[in-house]
Protein backbone atom coordinates (compact mmCIF):
# COMPACT_ATOMS: atom_id res chain seq x y z
CA UNK A 1 97.10 111.67 128.57
CA UNK A 2 93.37 110.15 128.57
CA UNK A 3 93.07 106.30 128.81
CA UNK A 4 92.20 104.56 125.13
CA UNK A 5 88.68 103.96 125.88
CA UNK A 6 88.38 99.81 125.34
CA UNK A 7 87.03 99.67 121.82
CA UNK A 8 89.15 101.08 120.24
CA UNK A 9 92.00 99.25 121.93
CA UNK A 10 93.65 98.01 118.19
CA UNK A 11 94.46 94.32 118.45
CA UNK A 12 95.23 93.19 115.47
CA UNK A 13 97.31 95.70 112.33
CA UNK A 14 99.61 95.64 109.05
CA UNK A 15 100.23 96.14 106.41
CA UNK A 16 98.69 93.56 103.25
CA UNK A 17 98.84 92.14 100.43
CA UNK A 18 95.52 91.89 98.10
CA UNK A 19 95.39 89.63 94.72
CA UNK A 20 92.10 91.43 92.80
CA UNK A 21 92.78 89.84 90.01
CA UNK A 22 96.00 91.40 88.10
CA UNK A 23 97.30 93.13 90.22
CA UNK A 24 98.52 93.52 93.64
CA UNK A 25 97.15 96.15 95.78
CA UNK A 26 98.47 97.25 98.73
CA UNK A 27 96.30 98.03 102.30
CA UNK A 28 96.75 99.06 105.96
CA UNK A 29 94.35 96.56 107.94
CA UNK A 30 93.21 97.58 111.84
CA UNK A 31 90.76 95.29 113.81
CA UNK A 32 90.17 96.55 117.80
CA UNK A 33 89.34 94.43 120.32
CA UNK A 34 85.53 92.53 120.05
CA UNK A 35 84.99 94.92 117.06
CA UNK A 36 81.42 94.46 115.30
CA UNK A 37 82.32 95.02 111.65
CA UNK A 38 85.34 96.58 108.75
CA UNK A 39 84.48 99.75 107.13
CA UNK A 40 87.00 99.24 103.90
CA UNK A 41 87.89 103.00 102.25
CA UNK A 42 87.21 103.75 98.37
CA UNK A 43 89.77 107.26 98.12
CA UNK A 44 89.00 109.15 95.76
CA UNK A 45 90.63 110.79 92.37
CA UNK A 46 94.78 111.20 92.63
CA UNK A 47 94.14 109.64 96.48
CA UNK A 48 95.66 107.14 97.92
CA UNK A 49 95.48 105.12 101.79
CA UNK A 50 97.76 107.92 102.99
CA UNK A 51 94.75 110.25 102.58
CA UNK A 52 95.12 112.75 105.14
CA UNK A 53 91.32 112.48 105.72
CA UNK A 54 90.60 109.11 104.92
CA UNK A 55 92.85 108.17 107.88
CA UNK A 56 91.51 110.28 110.49
CA UNK A 57 87.76 109.12 109.63
CA UNK A 58 88.80 105.43 110.01
CA UNK A 59 90.13 106.65 113.75
CA UNK A 60 87.48 107.62 114.95
CA UNK A 61 85.47 104.34 113.52
CA UNK A 62 87.91 102.37 114.92
CA UNK A 63 87.27 104.08 118.22
CA UNK A 64 83.50 103.13 118.61
CA UNK A 65 85.05 99.31 117.98
CA UNK A 66 84.66 98.69 114.30
CA UNK A 67 88.28 97.34 111.68
CA UNK A 68 88.92 99.55 108.82
CA UNK A 69 90.42 98.66 105.84
CA UNK A 70 92.48 101.62 103.64
CA UNK A 71 94.27 100.29 100.78
CA UNK A 72 95.09 102.00 96.91
CA UNK A 73 92.81 100.71 94.53
CA UNK A 74 95.78 101.41 91.73
CA UNK A 75 98.48 99.79 91.86
CA UNK A 76 101.98 102.05 91.82
CA UNK A 77 102.48 101.51 87.88
CA UNK A 78 98.71 102.76 87.79
CA UNK A 79 99.32 105.80 89.94
CA UNK A 80 101.74 106.67 87.62
CA UNK A 81 100.41 106.72 83.88
CA UNK A 82 96.72 108.27 85.71
CA UNK A 83 98.56 111.49 87.49
CA UNK A 84 99.60 112.32 83.67
CA UNK A 85 96.56 110.44 81.57
CA UNK A 86 93.62 109.75 84.45
CA UNK A 87 92.25 107.19 82.50
CA UNK A 88 92.27 105.13 85.84
CA UNK A 89 90.61 107.63 88.09
CA UNK A 90 87.69 107.91 86.55
CA UNK A 91 87.58 103.77 85.88
CA UNK A 92 84.34 102.78 88.02
CA UNK A 93 83.94 99.31 87.51
CA UNK A 94 87.17 98.88 87.72
CA UNK A 95 87.28 100.52 91.07
CA UNK A 96 84.86 98.13 92.01
CA UNK A 97 86.23 95.60 90.77
CA UNK A 98 89.30 95.83 92.89
CA UNK A 99 86.99 96.31 95.88
CA UNK A 100 84.88 93.82 95.40
CA UNK A 101 88.33 91.81 95.52
CA UNK A 102 89.68 93.15 99.14
CA UNK A 103 86.21 92.65 100.05
CA UNK A 104 86.30 88.79 99.32
CA UNK A 105 90.13 88.91 100.87
CA UNK A 106 88.45 89.67 103.64
CA UNK A 107 85.87 87.03 104.14
CA UNK A 108 88.47 84.25 103.81
CA UNK A 109 91.11 85.84 106.61
CA UNK A 110 90.75 84.61 109.54
CA UNK A 111 90.47 87.65 111.86
CA UNK A 112 87.82 89.77 109.48
CA UNK A 113 85.95 87.10 108.32
CA UNK A 114 83.12 87.19 111.20
CA UNK A 115 82.97 91.16 110.17
CA UNK A 116 80.28 92.31 108.16
CA UNK A 117 81.79 94.89 105.44
CA UNK A 118 80.67 98.31 104.60
CA UNK A 119 82.47 101.08 102.08
CA UNK A 120 83.19 103.92 103.01
CA UNK A 121 83.94 106.24 99.64
CA UNK A 122 85.13 110.29 98.28
CA UNK A 123 84.51 111.51 95.38
CA UNK A 124 84.66 109.22 92.87
CA UNK A 125 85.45 106.66 94.77
CA UNK A 126 81.99 106.93 96.63
CA UNK A 127 81.03 105.56 92.89
CA UNK A 128 82.94 102.92 93.16
CA UNK A 129 81.55 101.67 96.56
CA UNK A 130 78.39 102.49 94.80
CA UNK A 131 78.91 99.55 92.19
CA UNK A 132 80.62 97.00 93.98
CA UNK A 133 77.40 97.56 97.27
CA UNK A 134 75.51 96.70 94.09
CA UNK A 135 76.86 93.91 93.13
CA UNK A 136 77.60 92.30 96.81
CA UNK A 137 74.01 93.14 97.64
CA UNK A 138 73.69 91.76 101.43
CA UNK A 139 76.77 90.78 101.81
CA UNK A 140 77.18 94.59 102.62
CA UNK A 141 75.68 96.09 105.57
CA UNK A 142 76.36 100.28 105.08
CA UNK A 143 78.20 102.91 103.11
CA UNK A 144 78.94 106.13 103.39
CA UNK A 145 79.50 109.00 100.05
CA UNK A 146 82.18 111.61 101.47
CA UNK A 147 81.90 114.19 99.08
CA UNK A 148 81.37 110.85 96.59
CA UNK A 149 79.86 111.23 92.72
CA UNK A 150 77.38 108.58 93.17
CA UNK A 151 76.05 109.86 90.44
CA UNK A 152 79.25 108.12 88.47
CA UNK A 153 77.41 104.58 89.47
CA UNK A 154 74.75 104.75 86.98
CA UNK A 155 71.90 102.08 86.37
CA UNK A 156 73.39 100.16 90.32
CA UNK A 157 72.00 102.79 91.94
CA UNK A 158 68.33 100.92 91.82
CA UNK A 159 70.32 97.62 92.64
CA UNK A 160 71.51 99.71 96.31
CA UNK A 161 70.36 97.07 99.51
CA UNK A 162 73.16 97.87 101.76
CA UNK A 163 71.48 101.84 103.74
CA UNK A 164 73.06 105.07 101.95
CA UNK A 165 74.47 107.40 103.50
CA UNK A 166 75.40 110.66 101.34
CA UNK A 167 77.36 113.34 103.14
CA UNK A 168 77.67 116.78 101.17
CA UNK A 169 79.45 119.94 101.86
CA UNK A 170 76.63 122.90 101.29
CA UNK A 171 78.74 125.13 99.08
CA UNK A 172 79.61 122.03 96.52
CA UNK A 173 77.29 123.35 94.36
CA UNK A 174 77.77 120.68 91.37
CA UNK A 175 78.58 117.62 93.42
CA UNK A 176 75.17 118.81 95.23
CA UNK A 177 73.18 117.62 92.18
CA UNK A 178 74.55 115.48 92.00
CA UNK A 179 74.16 113.64 95.35
CA UNK A 180 70.65 114.22 95.02
CA UNK A 181 70.34 112.84 92.13
CA UNK A 182 71.68 110.07 93.39
CA UNK A 183 69.64 110.27 95.87
CA UNK A 184 66.20 109.92 94.25
CA UNK A 185 67.44 106.88 92.69
CA UNK A 186 68.56 104.46 95.67
CA UNK A 187 65.49 102.01 96.40
CA UNK A 188 68.00 101.72 100.24
CA UNK A 189 67.58 102.85 103.51
CA UNK A 190 68.87 106.09 103.08
CA UNK A 191 70.12 109.35 103.95
CA UNK A 192 71.48 112.46 102.78
CA UNK A 193 73.59 114.76 104.56
CA UNK A 194 74.52 118.86 102.99
CA UNK A 195 77.08 119.92 105.68
CA UNK A 196 76.41 124.25 105.76
CA UNK A 197 79.94 125.88 105.10
CA UNK A 198 81.70 122.58 103.81
CA UNK A 199 83.62 122.85 100.25
CA UNK A 200 84.00 119.88 98.90
CA UNK A 201 86.65 118.60 101.21
CA UNK A 202 85.44 119.42 104.07
CA UNK A 203 88.53 121.28 105.20
CA UNK A 204 86.77 123.99 107.46
CA UNK A 205 87.23 123.88 110.91
CA UNK A 206 85.55 121.42 112.16
CA UNK A 207 83.41 119.56 109.49
CA UNK A 208 85.82 116.76 108.71
CA UNK A 209 85.20 116.00 112.18
CA UNK A 210 81.38 116.10 111.80
CA UNK A 211 81.92 113.84 109.26
CA UNK A 212 83.67 111.35 110.78
CA UNK A 213 80.96 111.51 114.06
CA UNK A 214 78.00 110.70 111.48
CA UNK A 215 80.03 107.99 109.25
CA UNK A 216 80.85 106.08 112.69
CA UNK A 217 77.65 106.72 113.91
CA UNK A 218 76.22 104.94 110.32
CA UNK A 219 78.51 101.78 110.08
CA UNK A 220 78.32 101.29 114.02
CA UNK A 221 74.36 100.98 113.65
CA UNK A 222 74.24 98.80 110.78
CA UNK A 223 77.53 96.74 110.53
CA UNK A 224 77.25 93.93 112.84
CA UNK A 225 78.93 90.64 112.79
CA UNK A 226 78.28 88.00 110.36
CA UNK A 227 76.06 84.90 111.86
CA UNK A 228 76.90 81.43 112.04
């Protein structure tokens, strides 16, 4: 058995409750020793904080010393409604407000108030992450979108200041075009990675591992503790 790197040893972990307007959202916060930032996950359509893909990426991010918050963007009641109507999963303004509320919650917590936040968005969560980043501007240190819909951010794209990495599968044709169009509208530091041989969910061998490696490196590069 290999030993756990010092940077990835979790010193703070647990289920948290986050107030976002009238909604109470459930999340999972894990803070490694000497964390250098905190990444909030904005999951995609029909997903949750239990998504195996996001759980895996979160573990890799923590291994480089960055904290993670995986939380449900919708309440249980909203999820039940959305399973039939799909009315919430594409409500990017609502999802972005929830992401901003979670960011403000982290800023008020003793364990995380010195950690600069970043966003990892998947599918529609990618659009929500960019809208939230545009609203909070320099308060957000970095954004990564995996197979995301940055096009759903609309005019907010031109107001994003956080360094942004867009990762798209090379076999995800329509989403590639959406990301290329969004990339052209971004005015921040930016990169677009098109991963050969990968489909929308990056289920092919080694592809999700590469996504996690790219994301962890991006956040390690751009996130740092808030200055006193």
